[in-house]
N, C-alpha and C. Protein backbone atom coordinates (compact mmCIF):
# COMPACT_ATOMS: atom_id res chain seq x y z
N MET A 1 122.82 51.24 132.12
CA MET A 1 121.37 51.27 131.91
C MET A 1 121.09 51.81 130.52
N THR A 2 120.19 51.18 129.82
CA THR A 2 119.79 51.65 128.50
C THR A 2 118.63 52.60 128.65
N THR A 3 118.72 53.74 128.01
CA THR A 3 117.64 54.73 128.07
C THR A 3 116.94 54.79 126.73
N THR A 4 115.67 55.08 126.80
CA THR A 4 114.89 55.22 125.58
C THR A 4 114.08 56.51 125.64
N THR A 5 113.91 57.12 124.51
CA THR A 5 113.08 58.32 124.42
C THR A 5 111.98 58.06 123.42
N GLN A 6 110.77 57.96 123.90
CA GLN A 6 109.67 57.66 123.01
C GLN A 6 109.26 58.91 122.25
N GLN A 7 109.15 58.76 120.95
CA GLN A 7 108.75 59.86 120.10
C GLN A 7 107.55 59.45 119.27
N TYR A 8 106.74 60.42 118.97
CA TYR A 8 105.57 60.18 118.12
C TYR A 8 106.03 60.04 116.68
N ARG A 9 105.55 59.02 116.00
CA ARG A 9 105.88 58.82 114.59
C ARG A 9 104.62 59.03 113.76
N PRO A 10 104.51 60.18 113.11
CA PRO A 10 103.30 60.46 112.34
C PRO A 10 103.16 59.54 111.14
N SER A 11 101.92 59.21 110.81
CA SER A 11 101.65 58.38 109.65
C SER A 11 101.81 59.21 108.37
N ARG A 12 101.74 58.53 107.24
CA ARG A 12 101.86 59.24 105.97
C ARG A 12 100.72 60.24 105.80
N GLY A 13 99.54 59.84 106.24
CA GLY A 13 98.40 60.76 106.17
C GLY A 13 98.62 61.99 107.03
N ASP A 14 99.16 61.76 108.25
CA ASP A 14 99.46 62.89 109.13
C ASP A 14 100.50 63.81 108.50
N LEU A 15 101.53 63.21 107.91
CA LEU A 15 102.57 64.02 107.27
C LEU A 15 102.02 64.84 106.11
N ALA A 16 101.15 64.22 105.31
CA ALA A 16 100.55 64.94 104.18
C ALA A 16 99.72 66.11 104.69
N GLY A 17 98.95 65.87 105.74
CA GLY A 17 98.14 66.94 106.31
C GLY A 17 98.99 68.07 106.86
N MET A 18 100.10 67.72 107.53
CA MET A 18 100.96 68.75 108.10
C MET A 18 101.71 69.53 107.03
N TRP A 19 102.12 68.85 105.95
CA TRP A 19 102.74 69.56 104.84
C TRP A 19 101.75 70.55 104.23
N ALA A 20 100.50 70.13 104.09
CA ALA A 20 99.47 71.04 103.58
C ALA A 20 99.30 72.22 104.53
N PHE A 21 99.35 71.96 105.84
CA PHE A 21 99.23 73.02 106.83
C PHE A 21 100.39 73.99 106.72
N LEU A 22 101.60 73.47 106.52
CA LEU A 22 102.77 74.33 106.38
C LEU A 22 102.63 75.24 105.16
N GLY A 23 102.16 74.65 104.05
CA GLY A 23 101.97 75.45 102.85
C GLY A 23 100.91 76.52 103.03
N ALA A 24 99.79 76.14 103.66
CA ALA A 24 98.73 77.10 103.90
C ALA A 24 99.20 78.21 104.84
N GLY A 25 99.99 77.85 105.84
CA GLY A 25 100.51 78.85 106.76
C GLY A 25 101.38 79.86 106.06
N ALA A 26 102.25 79.40 105.17
CA ALA A 26 103.11 80.31 104.42
C ALA A 26 102.29 81.25 103.56
N VAL A 27 101.24 80.72 102.90
CA VAL A 27 100.38 81.56 102.06
C VAL A 27 99.66 82.61 102.89
N ILE A 28 99.15 82.20 104.05
CA ILE A 28 98.43 83.14 104.92
C ILE A 28 99.34 84.26 105.40
N ALA A 29 100.56 83.91 105.81
CA ALA A 29 101.50 84.92 106.30
C ALA A 29 101.85 85.92 105.20
N VAL A 30 102.14 85.41 104.00
CA VAL A 30 102.48 86.30 102.89
C VAL A 30 101.30 87.18 102.53
N TRP A 31 100.09 86.59 102.49
CA TRP A 31 98.90 87.37 102.18
C TRP A 31 98.69 88.48 103.20
N ALA A 32 98.89 88.21 104.49
CA ALA A 32 98.69 89.21 105.54
C ALA A 32 99.65 90.38 105.36
N VAL A 33 100.89 90.09 105.03
CA VAL A 33 101.88 91.15 104.84
C VAL A 33 101.54 91.98 103.61
N ILE A 34 101.19 91.32 102.51
CA ILE A 34 100.85 92.04 101.28
C ILE A 34 99.63 92.93 101.49
N ALA A 35 98.60 92.39 102.15
CA ALA A 35 97.39 93.17 102.40
C ALA A 35 97.69 94.39 103.27
N ALA A 36 98.54 94.21 104.29
CA ALA A 36 98.89 95.32 105.16
C ALA A 36 99.66 96.40 104.40
N VAL A 37 100.61 95.98 103.58
CA VAL A 37 101.40 96.95 102.80
C VAL A 37 100.51 97.71 101.83
N GLN A 38 99.61 97.00 101.16
CA GLN A 38 98.69 97.66 100.22
C GLN A 38 97.82 98.69 100.92
N ARG A 39 97.31 98.34 102.10
CA ARG A 39 96.46 99.27 102.84
C ARG A 39 97.25 100.48 103.31
N ILE A 40 98.47 100.28 103.76
CA ILE A 40 99.31 101.40 104.20
C ILE A 40 99.62 102.33 103.04
N VAL A 41 99.97 101.75 101.90
CA VAL A 41 100.25 102.57 100.71
C VAL A 41 99.00 103.34 100.29
N GLU A 42 97.84 102.73 100.46
CA GLU A 42 96.58 103.37 100.08
C GLU A 42 96.27 104.58 100.95
N VAL A 43 96.54 104.50 102.27
CA VAL A 43 96.12 105.57 103.17
C VAL A 43 97.19 106.63 103.40
N LEU A 44 98.45 106.33 103.16
CA LEU A 44 99.51 107.27 103.49
C LEU A 44 99.42 108.60 102.77
N PRO A 45 98.94 108.66 101.51
CA PRO A 45 98.78 110.00 100.90
C PRO A 45 97.81 110.90 101.66
N ASN A 46 96.97 110.28 102.51
CA ASN A 46 96.02 111.00 103.36
C ASN A 46 95.07 111.87 102.54
N ARG A 47 94.54 111.29 101.48
CA ARG A 47 93.55 111.98 100.65
C ARG A 47 92.39 111.02 100.38
N ASP A 48 91.17 111.48 100.68
CA ASP A 48 89.97 110.66 100.46
C ASP A 48 90.16 109.26 101.05
N VAL A 49 90.43 109.23 102.33
CA VAL A 49 90.70 107.97 103.03
C VAL A 49 89.39 107.29 103.41
N GLN A 50 89.22 106.07 102.95
CA GLN A 50 88.02 105.30 103.30
C GLN A 50 88.30 104.49 104.55
N VAL A 51 87.45 104.66 105.55
CA VAL A 51 87.67 104.04 106.86
C VAL A 51 86.44 103.25 107.27
N PRO A 52 86.57 101.95 107.56
CA PRO A 52 85.44 101.20 108.14
C PRO A 52 85.14 101.74 109.54
N ALA A 53 83.86 101.88 109.84
CA ALA A 53 83.48 102.46 111.14
C ALA A 53 82.30 101.72 111.73
N GLU A 54 82.26 101.70 113.04
CA GLU A 54 81.13 101.16 113.78
C GLU A 54 80.28 102.31 114.29
N PHE A 55 78.98 102.11 114.25
CA PHE A 55 78.06 103.14 114.71
C PHE A 55 77.36 102.68 115.98
N ALA A 56 77.04 103.64 116.83
CA ALA A 56 76.38 103.35 118.10
C ALA A 56 74.98 103.96 118.10
N GLY A 57 73.98 103.17 117.69
CA GLY A 57 72.59 103.63 117.73
C GLY A 57 72.28 104.77 116.78
N THR A 58 72.95 104.83 115.64
CA THR A 58 72.71 105.90 114.66
C THR A 58 71.62 105.48 113.69
N VAL A 59 70.58 106.31 113.55
CA VAL A 59 69.47 106.01 112.65
C VAL A 59 69.71 106.67 111.30
N ALA A 60 69.50 105.91 110.23
CA ALA A 60 69.62 106.42 108.87
C ALA A 60 68.43 105.91 108.06
N GLU A 61 68.35 106.32 106.81
CA GLU A 61 67.28 105.86 105.95
C GLU A 61 67.84 105.01 104.83
N ALA A 62 67.12 103.92 104.52
CA ALA A 62 67.52 103.02 103.45
C ALA A 62 66.33 102.76 102.54
N PRO A 63 66.54 102.63 101.23
CA PRO A 63 65.43 102.43 100.29
C PRO A 63 64.94 100.98 100.27
N ILE A 64 64.35 100.56 101.37
CA ILE A 64 63.94 99.16 101.49
C ILE A 64 62.43 99.01 101.61
N GLY A 65 61.68 100.11 101.51
CA GLY A 65 60.23 100.06 101.60
C GLY A 65 59.60 99.75 100.25
N PRO A 66 58.27 99.80 100.17
CA PRO A 66 57.58 99.55 98.89
C PRO A 66 58.06 100.52 97.81
N ASP A 67 58.36 99.96 96.64
CA ASP A 67 58.85 100.75 95.52
C ASP A 67 60.08 101.58 95.88
N GLY A 68 60.89 101.06 96.79
CA GLY A 68 62.12 101.75 97.15
C GLY A 68 61.94 102.91 98.09
N ALA A 69 60.83 102.94 98.79
CA ALA A 69 60.59 104.03 99.74
C ALA A 69 61.59 103.95 100.89
N PRO A 70 62.09 105.09 101.34
CA PRO A 70 63.07 105.07 102.44
C PRO A 70 62.42 104.72 103.77
N LEU A 71 63.08 103.87 104.50
CA LEU A 71 62.63 103.49 105.83
C LEU A 71 63.80 103.66 106.80
N PRO A 72 63.52 103.99 108.06
CA PRO A 72 64.61 104.16 109.03
C PRO A 72 65.26 102.83 109.40
N VAL A 73 66.55 102.83 109.48
CA VAL A 73 67.32 101.66 109.92
C VAL A 73 68.36 102.14 110.92
N VAL A 74 68.84 101.22 111.73
CA VAL A 74 69.90 101.54 112.69
C VAL A 74 71.23 101.05 112.12
N LEU A 75 72.15 101.98 111.92
CA LEU A 75 73.45 101.62 111.38
C LEU A 75 74.27 100.86 112.40
N ASP A 76 74.92 99.81 111.93
CA ASP A 76 75.84 99.05 112.76
C ASP A 76 77.27 99.26 112.28
N ARG A 77 77.51 99.04 110.99
CA ARG A 77 78.83 99.25 110.39
C ARG A 77 78.64 99.90 109.03
N ALA A 78 79.60 100.73 108.66
CA ALA A 78 79.60 101.36 107.35
C ALA A 78 81.01 101.90 107.09
N SER A 79 81.24 102.28 105.85
CA SER A 79 82.52 102.91 105.49
C SER A 79 82.28 104.39 105.26
N ILE A 80 83.14 105.21 105.80
CA ILE A 80 83.05 106.65 105.58
C ILE A 80 84.34 107.11 104.92
N THR A 81 84.23 108.15 104.11
CA THR A 81 85.39 108.67 103.40
C THR A 81 85.70 110.07 103.89
N ALA A 82 86.89 110.26 104.41
CA ALA A 82 87.32 111.56 104.91
C ALA A 82 88.32 112.16 103.93
N GLU A 83 88.20 113.48 103.69
CA GLU A 83 89.15 114.13 102.79
C GLU A 83 90.58 113.93 103.27
N SER A 84 90.76 113.99 104.58
CA SER A 84 92.06 113.71 105.19
C SER A 84 91.81 113.36 106.65
N LEU A 85 92.79 112.74 107.27
CA LEU A 85 92.66 112.34 108.66
C LEU A 85 93.66 113.10 109.52
N PRO A 86 93.31 113.33 110.79
CA PRO A 86 94.31 113.87 111.71
C PRO A 86 95.52 112.94 111.79
N THR A 87 96.66 113.51 112.13
CA THR A 87 97.89 112.73 112.15
C THR A 87 97.78 111.50 113.05
N LEU A 88 97.15 111.65 114.21
CA LEU A 88 97.04 110.53 115.14
C LEU A 88 96.16 109.43 114.55
N SER A 89 95.09 109.80 113.86
CA SER A 89 94.21 108.80 113.25
C SER A 89 94.91 108.09 112.10
N LEU A 90 95.66 108.84 111.31
CA LEU A 90 96.40 108.22 110.21
C LEU A 90 97.44 107.25 110.76
N ALA A 91 98.13 107.66 111.82
CA ALA A 91 99.11 106.77 112.44
C ALA A 91 98.43 105.52 112.99
N SER A 92 97.21 105.68 113.53
CA SER A 92 96.47 104.53 114.06
C SER A 92 96.15 103.54 112.95
N LEU A 93 95.78 104.05 111.77
CA LEU A 93 95.50 103.16 110.64
C LEU A 93 96.74 102.35 110.27
N VAL A 94 97.88 103.02 110.24
CA VAL A 94 99.13 102.32 109.89
C VAL A 94 99.48 101.29 110.96
N ILE A 95 99.36 101.70 112.23
CA ILE A 95 99.68 100.78 113.33
C ILE A 95 98.74 99.58 113.31
N GLU A 96 97.47 99.83 113.00
CA GLU A 96 96.50 98.72 112.91
C GLU A 96 96.98 97.66 111.92
N GLN A 97 97.42 98.11 110.75
CA GLN A 97 97.87 97.16 109.73
C GLN A 97 99.15 96.45 110.14
N VAL A 98 100.06 97.18 110.76
CA VAL A 98 101.32 96.57 111.22
C VAL A 98 101.04 95.51 112.28
N VAL A 99 100.17 95.85 113.23
CA VAL A 99 99.82 94.90 114.30
C VAL A 99 99.13 93.68 113.73
N ALA A 100 98.19 93.89 112.80
CA ALA A 100 97.46 92.76 112.21
C ALA A 100 98.41 91.83 111.48
N ALA A 101 99.29 92.39 110.64
CA ALA A 101 100.23 91.56 109.88
C ALA A 101 101.21 90.86 110.81
N THR A 102 101.71 91.59 111.80
CA THR A 102 102.67 90.99 112.74
C THR A 102 102.03 89.85 113.52
N THR A 103 100.79 90.04 113.96
CA THR A 103 100.08 89.00 114.70
C THR A 103 99.95 87.73 113.87
N VAL A 104 99.52 87.90 112.62
CA VAL A 104 99.35 86.73 111.75
C VAL A 104 100.68 86.04 111.51
N VAL A 105 101.73 86.81 111.23
CA VAL A 105 103.04 86.22 110.92
C VAL A 105 103.59 85.48 112.14
N VAL A 106 103.48 86.08 113.32
CA VAL A 106 104.01 85.43 114.53
C VAL A 106 103.24 84.15 114.83
N VAL A 107 101.91 84.22 114.78
CA VAL A 107 101.10 83.03 115.09
C VAL A 107 101.37 81.92 114.09
N VAL A 108 101.38 82.26 112.80
CA VAL A 108 101.63 81.26 111.77
C VAL A 108 103.03 80.67 111.90
N THR A 109 104.02 81.51 112.15
CA THR A 109 105.40 81.02 112.31
C THR A 109 105.51 80.04 113.46
N CYS A 110 104.90 80.38 114.59
CA CYS A 110 104.94 79.49 115.75
C CYS A 110 104.27 78.15 115.44
N LEU A 111 103.11 78.20 114.79
CA LEU A 111 102.39 76.96 114.49
C LEU A 111 103.12 76.13 113.43
N VAL A 112 103.76 76.81 112.48
CA VAL A 112 104.54 76.08 111.48
C VAL A 112 105.73 75.38 112.13
N LEU A 113 106.43 76.09 113.02
CA LEU A 113 107.56 75.48 113.72
C LEU A 113 107.09 74.33 114.60
N LEU A 114 105.92 74.49 115.21
CA LEU A 114 105.36 73.41 116.02
C LEU A 114 105.05 72.19 115.15
N SER A 115 104.44 72.42 114.01
CA SER A 115 104.13 71.31 113.10
C SER A 115 105.39 70.63 112.60
N TRP A 116 106.41 71.41 112.31
CA TRP A 116 107.68 70.85 111.86
C TRP A 116 108.29 69.95 112.92
N SER A 117 108.18 70.38 114.18
CA SER A 117 108.70 69.58 115.28
C SER A 117 107.91 68.28 115.41
N VAL A 118 106.58 68.36 115.26
CA VAL A 118 105.75 67.16 115.34
C VAL A 118 106.08 66.21 114.20
N MET A 119 106.32 66.75 113.01
CA MET A 119 106.67 65.91 111.87
C MET A 119 107.97 65.15 112.11
N ARG A 120 108.84 65.72 112.92
CA ARG A 120 110.11 65.06 113.25
C ARG A 120 109.98 64.13 114.46
N GLY A 121 108.75 64.01 114.98
CA GLY A 121 108.51 63.03 116.03
C GLY A 121 108.50 63.56 117.43
N ARG A 122 108.66 64.86 117.62
CA ARG A 122 108.67 65.42 118.98
C ARG A 122 107.45 66.30 119.16
N VAL A 123 106.51 65.83 120.00
CA VAL A 123 105.30 66.59 120.24
C VAL A 123 105.47 67.51 121.44
N PHE A 124 105.87 66.94 122.58
CA PHE A 124 105.99 67.71 123.81
C PHE A 124 107.44 68.02 124.10
N SER A 125 107.73 69.30 124.28
CA SER A 125 109.07 69.76 124.66
C SER A 125 108.93 71.18 125.18
N ARG A 126 109.98 71.66 125.82
CA ARG A 126 109.93 73.03 126.31
C ARG A 126 109.80 74.01 125.15
N ARG A 127 110.48 73.71 124.06
CA ARG A 127 110.41 74.57 122.88
C ARG A 127 108.99 74.63 122.33
N ASN A 128 108.34 73.49 122.23
CA ASN A 128 106.98 73.48 121.71
C ASN A 128 106.00 74.18 122.66
N THR A 129 106.25 74.04 123.95
CA THR A 129 105.41 74.75 124.92
C THR A 129 105.54 76.25 124.74
N ARG A 130 106.77 76.73 124.54
CA ARG A 130 106.98 78.16 124.31
C ARG A 130 106.29 78.61 123.02
N LEU A 131 106.38 77.79 121.97
CA LEU A 131 105.75 78.14 120.70
C LEU A 131 104.23 78.27 120.85
N VAL A 132 103.62 77.32 121.56
CA VAL A 132 102.18 77.37 121.78
C VAL A 132 101.80 78.60 122.60
N THR A 133 102.59 78.89 123.63
CA THR A 133 102.32 80.05 124.48
C THR A 133 102.42 81.35 123.70
N VAL A 134 103.49 81.50 122.94
CA VAL A 134 103.68 82.72 122.16
C VAL A 134 102.57 82.88 121.13
N ALA A 135 102.21 81.79 120.44
CA ALA A 135 101.15 81.87 119.43
C ALA A 135 99.82 82.27 120.06
N GLY A 136 99.48 81.64 121.18
CA GLY A 136 98.19 81.91 121.82
C GLY A 136 98.07 83.33 122.31
N PHE A 137 99.07 83.82 123.01
CA PHE A 137 98.95 85.14 123.61
C PHE A 137 99.25 86.25 122.62
N THR A 138 100.00 85.96 121.56
CA THR A 138 100.13 86.93 120.48
C THR A 138 98.79 87.13 119.78
N GLY A 139 98.10 86.02 119.51
CA GLY A 139 96.77 86.11 118.93
C GLY A 139 95.82 86.88 119.82
N LEU A 140 95.92 86.68 121.12
CA LEU A 140 95.05 87.37 122.08
C LEU A 140 95.31 88.88 122.04
N LEU A 141 96.58 89.27 122.11
CA LEU A 141 96.92 90.69 122.09
C LEU A 141 96.53 91.33 120.76
N GLY A 142 96.78 90.60 119.67
CA GLY A 142 96.42 91.13 118.36
C GLY A 142 94.93 91.34 118.21
N TYR A 143 94.14 90.39 118.72
CA TYR A 143 92.69 90.49 118.62
C TYR A 143 92.18 91.72 119.36
N ALA A 144 92.83 92.08 120.45
CA ALA A 144 92.40 93.26 121.20
C ALA A 144 92.95 94.55 120.60
N ALA A 145 94.19 94.51 120.10
CA ALA A 145 94.85 95.74 119.65
C ALA A 145 94.34 96.21 118.29
N VAL A 146 94.08 95.28 117.37
CA VAL A 146 93.67 95.69 116.01
C VAL A 146 92.39 96.52 116.02
N PRO A 147 91.30 96.08 116.64
CA PRO A 147 90.09 96.93 116.66
C PRO A 147 90.27 98.21 117.45
N PHE A 148 91.17 98.19 118.45
CA PHE A 148 91.43 99.42 119.23
C PHE A 148 91.97 100.51 118.32
N PHE A 149 93.00 100.18 117.52
CA PHE A 149 93.57 101.18 116.62
C PHE A 149 92.62 101.51 115.47
N ALA A 150 91.85 100.53 115.01
CA ALA A 150 90.86 100.79 113.96
C ALA A 150 89.80 101.78 114.46
N ASN A 151 89.37 101.63 115.70
CA ASN A 151 88.38 102.55 116.26
C ASN A 151 88.94 103.96 116.43
N MET A 152 90.21 104.05 116.80
CA MET A 152 90.84 105.36 116.90
C MET A 152 90.84 106.06 115.55
N ALA A 153 91.16 105.31 114.49
CA ALA A 153 91.15 105.89 113.14
C ALA A 153 89.74 106.30 112.74
N ALA A 154 88.76 105.46 113.03
CA ALA A 154 87.37 105.76 112.66
C ALA A 154 86.87 107.00 113.39
N ASN A 155 87.22 107.13 114.65
CA ASN A 155 86.78 108.30 115.40
C ASN A 155 87.40 109.58 114.86
N GLY A 156 88.63 109.49 114.37
CA GLY A 156 89.24 110.64 113.73
C GLY A 156 88.53 111.00 112.44
N ALA A 157 88.10 109.97 111.69
CA ALA A 157 87.35 110.23 110.46
C ALA A 157 86.01 110.88 110.77
N PHE A 158 85.32 110.40 111.81
CA PHE A 158 84.06 111.02 112.22
C PHE A 158 84.28 112.49 112.56
N ALA A 159 85.34 112.76 113.29
CA ALA A 159 85.61 114.14 113.69
C ALA A 159 85.86 115.02 112.47
N GLN A 160 86.53 114.47 111.47
CA GLN A 160 86.86 115.27 110.28
C GLN A 160 85.62 115.56 109.44
N VAL A 161 84.82 114.52 109.17
CA VAL A 161 83.68 114.73 108.26
C VAL A 161 82.56 115.53 108.93
N SER A 162 82.47 115.47 110.25
CA SER A 162 81.39 116.18 110.94
C SER A 162 81.86 117.48 111.59
N GLU A 163 83.13 117.81 111.39
CA GLU A 163 83.73 118.97 112.06
C GLU A 163 83.49 118.91 113.57
N ARG A 164 83.66 117.71 114.08
CA ARG A 164 83.58 117.41 115.53
C ARG A 164 82.18 117.67 116.11
N SER A 165 81.15 117.58 115.27
CA SER A 165 79.78 117.81 115.77
C SER A 165 79.02 116.50 115.94
N PHE A 166 79.62 115.36 115.55
CA PHE A 166 78.95 114.06 115.64
C PHE A 166 79.70 113.19 116.63
N ASP A 167 79.01 112.82 117.70
CA ASP A 167 79.64 112.02 118.77
C ASP A 167 79.32 110.55 118.55
N ASN A 168 80.31 109.79 118.13
CA ASN A 168 80.09 108.35 117.88
C ASN A 168 81.31 107.56 118.35
N VAL A 169 81.78 107.87 119.52
CA VAL A 169 82.99 107.22 120.03
C VAL A 169 82.68 105.78 120.41
N VAL A 170 83.28 104.84 119.70
CA VAL A 170 83.11 103.41 119.97
C VAL A 170 84.49 102.81 120.16
N MET A 171 84.78 102.33 121.36
CA MET A 171 86.11 101.77 121.65
C MET A 171 86.02 100.36 122.21
N ALA A 172 84.88 99.71 122.01
CA ALA A 172 84.66 98.41 122.64
C ALA A 172 85.29 97.28 121.83
N VAL A 173 85.72 96.24 122.52
CA VAL A 173 86.19 95.00 121.92
C VAL A 173 85.25 93.90 122.38
N ASP A 174 84.82 93.06 121.45
CA ASP A 174 83.89 91.98 121.78
C ASP A 174 84.56 91.05 122.79
N LEU A 175 84.01 90.98 124.00
CA LEU A 175 84.66 90.26 125.08
C LEU A 175 84.52 88.75 124.97
N VAL A 176 83.42 88.27 124.37
CA VAL A 176 83.21 86.82 124.33
C VAL A 176 84.31 86.12 123.52
N PRO A 177 84.58 86.52 122.27
CA PRO A 177 85.70 85.88 121.55
C PRO A 177 87.04 86.12 122.23
N LEU A 178 87.21 87.30 122.85
CA LEU A 178 88.47 87.60 123.53
C LEU A 178 88.70 86.63 124.67
N LEU A 179 87.67 86.41 125.48
CA LEU A 179 87.79 85.47 126.60
C LEU A 179 87.99 84.04 126.09
N LEU A 180 87.33 83.70 124.98
CA LEU A 180 87.49 82.36 124.41
C LEU A 180 88.92 82.14 123.94
N ILE A 181 89.49 83.14 123.26
CA ILE A 181 90.89 83.02 122.82
C ILE A 181 91.82 82.89 124.02
N ALA A 182 91.56 83.70 125.06
CA ALA A 182 92.40 83.63 126.26
C ALA A 182 92.32 82.25 126.90
N PHE A 183 91.11 81.69 126.95
CA PHE A 183 90.93 80.36 127.54
C PHE A 183 91.67 79.30 126.73
N ILE A 184 91.53 79.35 125.40
CA ILE A 184 92.19 78.37 124.54
C ILE A 184 93.70 78.49 124.66
N ALA A 185 94.21 79.72 124.67
CA ALA A 185 95.66 79.93 124.78
C ALA A 185 96.19 79.38 126.10
N ALA A 186 95.47 79.67 127.19
CA ALA A 186 95.91 79.18 128.50
C ALA A 186 95.82 77.66 128.57
N LEU A 187 94.74 77.09 128.03
CA LEU A 187 94.56 75.64 128.06
C LEU A 187 95.66 74.94 127.26
N ALA A 188 95.96 75.47 126.07
CA ALA A 188 97.01 74.86 125.25
C ALA A 188 98.36 74.91 125.95
N THR A 189 98.64 76.03 126.61
CA THR A 189 99.90 76.15 127.34
C THR A 189 99.98 75.14 128.47
N VAL A 190 98.88 74.98 129.21
CA VAL A 190 98.86 74.02 130.32
C VAL A 190 99.03 72.60 129.80
N VAL A 191 98.32 72.25 128.73
CA VAL A 191 98.41 70.90 128.17
C VAL A 191 99.83 70.58 127.73
N PHE A 192 100.47 71.50 127.01
CA PHE A 192 101.83 71.24 126.54
C PHE A 192 102.82 71.25 127.69
N SER A 193 102.58 72.05 128.71
CA SER A 193 103.47 72.04 129.88
C SER A 193 103.39 70.70 130.60
N ILE A 194 102.17 70.19 130.79
CA ILE A 194 101.99 68.89 131.44
C ILE A 194 102.59 67.78 130.58
N GLY A 195 102.34 67.85 129.27
CA GLY A 195 102.90 66.84 128.37
C GLY A 195 104.41 66.81 128.40
N ASP A 196 105.03 68.00 128.43
CA ASP A 196 106.49 68.06 128.49
C ASP A 196 107.01 67.52 129.81
N ARG A 197 106.32 67.81 130.91
CA ARG A 197 106.75 67.29 132.21
C ARG A 197 106.63 65.77 132.26
N MET A 198 105.55 65.23 131.70
CA MET A 198 105.38 63.77 131.66
C MET A 198 106.47 63.14 130.78
N ARG A 199 106.81 63.80 129.68
CA ARG A 199 107.87 63.27 128.82
C ARG A 199 109.20 63.21 129.56
N ARG A 200 109.51 64.29 130.29
CA ARG A 200 110.79 64.30 131.01
C ARG A 200 110.80 63.29 132.15
N ASP A 201 109.60 63.08 132.76
CA ASP A 201 109.53 62.08 133.83
C ASP A 201 109.72 60.66 133.33
N THR A 202 109.26 60.40 132.10
CA THR A 202 109.34 59.03 131.57
C THR A 202 110.64 58.76 130.83
N GLU A 203 111.36 59.81 130.43
CA GLU A 203 112.63 59.58 129.74
C GLU A 203 113.63 58.92 130.70
N GLY A 204 114.38 58.03 130.19
CA GLY A 204 115.38 57.34 131.00
C GLY A 204 114.89 56.02 131.57
N LEU A 205 113.57 55.74 131.40
CA LEU A 205 113.05 54.47 131.87
C LEU A 205 113.47 53.34 130.92
N VAL A 206 113.75 52.20 131.45
CA VAL A 206 114.12 51.05 130.61
C VAL A 206 112.90 50.49 129.94
């Protein structure tokens, strides 16, 4: 019996697009690592550390009235500078950068390997299913972990600048994008799993 294995043959346009994607992925991964290293080097001396922070219903004044008159506004996000951070907060800043860079590198690597496989004519396979799964759920975990550690660092900065007299503990993660990422990751895994099963079922047919 003669067996055949049908493979996808990308067009020249598809190949050009995927090569561009591979190049962009490499640039993004390198940029993420460089940005993380620069931020870690910036904060490790632990002197005058600037930390992005979220505020919960904090009222401040801004010169937005007539002739620059101050008017009350509700702060949402701002940067605060602490002379130094507690050890746990400083470690959280470092971990935040490591997690962010690792997430980007893992996701990009998986998608680049997936694109490379598609360029060679194989769309659905167990390997590609694993790549999609790892990329999706790594992105999900990274999306939740990065703001968690960032908030820990910000809360340490608040404690330092206010001598623990200002209560602004914010540990929330935006659930709507988180659920959307989880849905997309699960859907992609299911689609590639079904595609791989259909491929294996049809292989060997004359």
